[in-house]
């Protein structure tokens, strides 16, 4: 993808988000784009940064660490880890990211808290919820989320910010909205159970269902293909 094409894709993605927020009658600053750059080279991340993008999501840890090293000169870049996280890789995530969206069990959260360097701010955490109850998907079950949230919120080097989900594909807008509405309600349940926690984040919505997610309150929408083009196979 050329620099001009990437700039155009970013402009279109931002317009799409603004249009969705307008339709939802929400403030234009109430949701942000998370540019998902998995399988894409660091040079494309640099191009997106040059066009004003600051929040980037990565799914694969080793790939992300290589990009971070190459892009260490970029000011203001915020790295989000959004992929499955194995316990033997929590240290690298704790040391190199500002956010982890894919915490789905106590063991992972405990290791992230213990391994977060003390000179860094607390690590922002989203619990990944298996909102569609798919056997192939990671995530805590909805009925177990409040218990896990209470445990994570008490950890010293983590800040529980909200929830993340990747619902099953749906055929139309109304069907897409259903799991997002369930995740929004679950966040409200967490806010009631943990009134002192800064629970302000719904990480939901991707290239195919951004509009439905924004209608149901998404604050971070994760766009990959819509910004960087079709992904290459790893």
Protein backbone atom coordinates (compact mmCIF):
# COMPACT_ATOMS: atom_id res chain seq x y z
CA UNK A 1 0.00 0.00 0.00
CA UNK A 2 1.38 3.41 -0.96
CA UNK A 3 1.60 6.25 1.52
CA UNK A 4 -1.18 8.10 -0.32
CA UNK A 5 -3.43 5.05 -0.24
CA UNK A 6 -2.82 4.54 3.47
CA UNK A 7 -3.58 8.18 4.17
CA UNK A 8 -6.84 7.85 2.22
CA UNK A 9 -7.75 4.70 4.15
CA UNK A 10 -7.15 6.47 7.45
CA UNK A 11 -9.27 9.43 6.38
CA UNK A 12 -12.08 7.09 5.31
CA UNK A 13 -11.85 5.12 8.58
CA UNK A 14 -12.07 8.33 10.63
CA UNK A 15 -15.02 9.54 8.58
CA UNK A 16 -16.73 6.21 9.04
CA UNK A 17 -16.25 6.43 12.81
CA UNK A 18 -17.51 10.03 12.90
CA UNK A 19 -20.58 9.09 10.86
CA UNK A 20 -21.31 6.19 13.19
CA UNK A 21 -20.97 8.43 16.25
CA UNK A 22 -23.26 11.00 14.67
CA UNK A 23 -25.86 8.32 13.96
CA UNK A 24 -25.59 7.15 17.56
CA UNK A 25 -25.95 10.77 18.78
CA UNK A 26 -22.66 10.47 20.65
CA UNK A 27 -19.88 13.05 21.02
CA UNK A 28 -17.20 12.80 18.37
CA UNK A 29 -14.51 12.31 21.02
CA UNK A 30 -16.29 9.42 22.74
CA UNK A 31 -14.64 6.69 20.62
CA UNK A 32 -11.21 6.26 19.07
CA UNK A 33 -9.66 4.20 16.31
CA UNK A 34 -7.22 1.47 17.26
CA UNK A 35 -5.18 0.68 14.15
CA UNK A 36 -4.53 -3.06 14.10
CA UNK A 37 -1.26 -3.59 12.28
CA UNK A 38 -0.75 -7.35 12.59
CA UNK A 39 1.24 -8.88 9.71
CA UNK A 40 1.95 -5.37 8.40
CA UNK A 41 5.51 -3.96 8.39
CA UNK A 42 6.76 -1.30 10.76
CA UNK A 43 7.06 1.05 7.80
CA UNK A 44 3.26 1.12 7.47
CA UNK A 45 2.85 1.83 11.16
CA UNK A 46 5.28 4.71 10.73
CA UNK A 47 3.24 6.05 7.81
CA UNK A 48 0.04 5.88 9.85
CA UNK A 49 1.78 7.69 12.73
CA UNK A 50 2.92 10.39 10.30
CA UNK A 51 -0.76 10.88 9.39
CA UNK A 52 -1.78 11.37 13.01
CA UNK A 53 -2.60 7.86 14.22
CA UNK A 54 -1.26 7.18 17.72
CA UNK A 55 -3.04 4.06 19.02
CA UNK A 56 -1.90 0.74 17.55
CA UNK A 57 -3.02 -2.81 18.29
CA UNK A 58 -0.91 -5.92 17.84
CA UNK A 59 -1.94 -9.59 17.99
CA UNK A 60 1.41 -11.35 17.82
CA UNK A 61 3.92 -10.62 20.54
CA UNK A 62 7.21 -11.27 18.77
CA UNK A 63 6.11 -9.32 15.71
CA UNK A 64 5.04 -6.45 17.93
CA UNK A 65 8.33 -6.34 19.83
CA UNK A 66 10.25 -6.13 16.56
CA UNK A 67 8.09 -3.23 15.39
CA UNK A 68 8.45 -1.44 18.70
CA UNK A 69 12.23 -1.64 18.46
CA UNK A 70 12.18 -0.26 14.91
CA UNK A 71 9.77 2.54 15.84
CA UNK A 72 11.27 3.57 19.16
CA UNK A 73 11.85 7.08 17.83
CA UNK A 74 8.13 7.83 17.44
CA UNK A 75 6.75 10.10 20.16
CA UNK A 76 3.32 9.53 21.61
CA UNK A 77 2.72 6.08 20.15
CA UNK A 78 0.52 3.88 22.36
CA UNK A 79 0.78 0.10 22.00
CA UNK A 80 -2.17 -2.19 22.76
CA UNK A 81 -1.78 -5.95 22.91
CA UNK A 82 -5.05 -7.48 21.71
CA UNK A 83 -4.17 -11.10 20.88
CA UNK A 84 -4.20 -14.29 22.95
CA UNK A 85 -1.58 -14.14 25.67
CA UNK A 86 0.16 -17.25 26.96
CA UNK A 87 1.53 -17.27 30.49
CA UNK A 88 5.13 -17.67 29.30
CA UNK A 89 4.86 -14.38 27.36
CA UNK A 90 3.29 -12.15 29.98
CA UNK A 91 6.59 -10.53 30.99
CA UNK A 92 7.22 -9.11 27.51
CA UNK A 93 3.66 -7.82 27.38
CA UNK A 94 3.91 -6.28 30.85
CA UNK A 95 7.17 -4.53 29.97
CA UNK A 96 6.34 -3.22 26.50
CA UNK A 97 2.65 -2.32 26.23
CA UNK A 98 0.39 0.35 27.69
CA UNK A 99 -2.74 -1.82 27.30
CA UNK A 100 -3.59 -5.51 27.26
CA UNK A 101 -7.11 -6.27 25.99
CA UNK A 102 -7.03 -10.06 26.18
CA UNK A 103 -6.98 -10.93 29.87
CA UNK A 104 -9.36 -13.85 30.34
CA UNK A 105 -8.13 -15.63 33.47
CA UNK A 106 -6.65 -14.86 36.85
CA UNK A 107 -3.25 -16.43 36.16
CA UNK A 108 -2.56 -14.06 33.27
CA UNK A 109 -3.60 -11.00 35.26
CA UNK A 110 -1.49 -12.03 38.26
CA UNK A 111 1.61 -12.47 36.12
CA UNK A 112 1.07 -9.14 34.35
CA UNK A 113 0.77 -7.37 37.69
CA UNK A 114 3.84 -9.05 39.15
CA UNK A 115 5.92 -8.42 36.02
CA UNK A 116 4.92 -4.81 35.31
CA UNK A 117 8.03 -2.66 35.86
CA UNK A 118 7.55 -0.30 38.77
CA UNK A 119 8.94 2.69 36.84
CA UNK A 120 6.07 2.41 34.34
CA UNK A 121 2.46 3.50 34.94
CA UNK A 122 0.03 0.74 35.82
CA UNK A 123 -0.91 -1.47 32.88
CA UNK A 124 -4.37 -0.78 31.45
CA UNK A 125 -6.41 -3.98 31.32
CA UNK A 126 -9.52 -5.06 29.47
CA UNK A 127 -11.10 -8.41 30.22
CA UNK A 128 -11.80 -10.41 27.09
CA UNK A 129 -15.33 -11.80 27.26
CA UNK A 130 -16.53 -14.74 25.18
CA UNK A 131 -19.78 -12.93 24.62
CA UNK A 132 -21.05 -15.33 21.93
CA UNK A 133 -19.97 -18.42 23.88
CA UNK A 134 -17.98 -19.85 20.98
CA UNK A 135 -15.86 -22.91 21.74
CA UNK A 136 -13.18 -21.61 19.38
CA UNK A 137 -12.86 -18.21 21.07
CA UNK A 138 -10.88 -17.13 24.09
CA UNK A 139 -12.52 -15.13 26.84
CA UNK A 140 -14.10 -15.31 30.24
CA UNK A 141 -17.76 -16.33 30.21
CA UNK A 142 -20.13 -13.43 30.94
CA UNK A 143 -21.38 -14.89 34.21
CA UNK A 144 -17.78 -15.18 35.48
CA UNK A 145 -16.65 -11.70 34.47
CA UNK A 146 -17.63 -9.83 37.64
CA UNK A 147 -15.67 -12.24 39.84
CA UNK A 148 -12.58 -11.95 37.65
CA UNK A 149 -12.98 -8.17 37.47
CA UNK A 150 -12.96 -7.84 41.26
CA UNK A 151 -9.75 -9.86 41.45
CA UNK A 152 -8.03 -7.89 38.69
CA UNK A 153 -9.12 -4.51 40.08
CA UNK A 154 -7.35 -5.31 43.35
CA UNK A 155 -3.96 -5.94 41.73
CA UNK A 156 -1.36 -3.26 42.46
CA UNK A 157 0.21 -2.70 39.02
CA UNK A 158 -2.90 -3.00 36.87
CA UNK A 159 -5.80 -0.66 36.14
CA UNK A 160 -8.99 -2.38 35.06
CA UNK A 161 -10.43 -0.21 32.30
CA UNK A 162 -13.17 -2.30 30.72
CA UNK A 163 -14.12 -5.15 28.44
CA UNK A 164 -13.18 -6.50 25.03
CA UNK A 165 -15.04 -8.97 22.81
CA UNK A 166 -14.97 -10.49 19.35
CA UNK A 167 -18.56 -11.63 18.72
CA UNK A 168 -19.55 -14.29 16.25
CA UNK A 169 -20.19 -12.93 12.75
CA UNK A 170 -23.73 -11.77 12.05
CA UNK A 171 -25.66 -11.05 8.86
CA UNK A 172 -27.07 -7.59 9.53
CA UNK A 173 -26.82 -4.55 11.77
CA UNK A 174 -29.46 -5.61 14.27
CA UNK A 175 -27.95 -9.06 14.71
CA UNK A 176 -24.53 -7.48 15.14
CA UNK A 177 -25.84 -5.16 17.84
CA UNK A 178 -27.10 -7.96 20.10
CA UNK A 179 -23.75 -9.18 21.52
CA UNK A 180 -22.43 -5.64 21.72
CA UNK A 181 -25.48 -4.66 23.76
CA UNK A 182 -24.80 -7.60 26.06
CA UNK A 183 -21.21 -6.46 26.54
CA UNK A 184 -22.39 -2.91 27.27
CA UNK A 185 -24.74 -4.25 29.95
CA UNK A 186 -21.95 -6.36 31.40
CA UNK A 187 -19.77 -3.25 31.71
CA UNK A 188 -22.63 -1.55 33.55
CA UNK A 189 -22.76 -4.53 35.92
CA UNK A 190 -19.03 -4.18 36.57
CA UNK A 191 -19.39 -0.44 37.18
CA UNK A 192 -22.06 -1.17 39.79
CA UNK A 193 -19.94 -3.86 41.44
CA UNK A 194 -16.73 -1.78 41.35
CA UNK A 195 -17.76 1.87 41.72
CA UNK A 196 -14.19 3.04 42.39
CA UNK A 197 -12.66 1.44 39.30
CA UNK A 198 -12.17 3.61 36.17
CA UNK A 199 -14.31 1.32 34.00
CA UNK A 200 -14.72 3.46 30.89
CA UNK A 201 -13.70 1.23 27.99
CA UNK A 202 -15.56 -1.02 25.56
CA UNK A 203 -13.07 -2.43 23.07
CA UNK A 204 -15.41 -3.77 20.42
CA UNK A 205 -16.11 -3.43 16.75
CA UNK A 206 -13.91 -4.19 13.77
CA UNK A 207 -13.90 -3.46 10.06
CA UNK A 208 -17.12 -5.42 9.41
CA UNK A 209 -19.21 -4.27 12.39
CA UNK A 210 -17.95 -0.85 13.47
CA UNK A 211 -21.36 0.81 13.13
CA UNK A 212 -23.15 -1.73 15.32
CA UNK A 213 -20.45 -1.47 17.98
CA UNK A 214 -20.61 2.34 18.07
CA UNK A 215 -24.39 2.25 18.39
CA UNK A 216 -23.92 0.13 21.51
CA UNK A 217 -21.25 2.30 23.11
CA UNK A 218 -17.84 1.20 21.80
CA UNK A 219 -15.02 3.47 22.94
CA UNK A 220 -12.21 1.71 21.06
CA UNK A 221 -12.87 0.20 17.62
CA UNK A 222 -10.18 -2.09 16.26
CA UNK A 223 -9.66 -1.58 12.53
CA UNK A 224 -7.07 -3.50 10.57
CA UNK A 225 -8.12 -4.27 7.02
CA UNK A 226 -10.02 -0.98 6.68
CA UNK A 227 -6.79 0.93 7.36
CA UNK A 228 -3.91 -1.24 6.21
CA UNK A 229 -5.57 -3.39 3.54
CA UNK A 230 -5.94 -7.17 3.35
CA UNK A 231 -3.61 -9.06 5.67
CA UNK A 232 -0.89 -11.35 4.47
CA UNK A 233 -0.83 -14.91 5.78
CA UNK A 234 1.65 -15.49 8.58
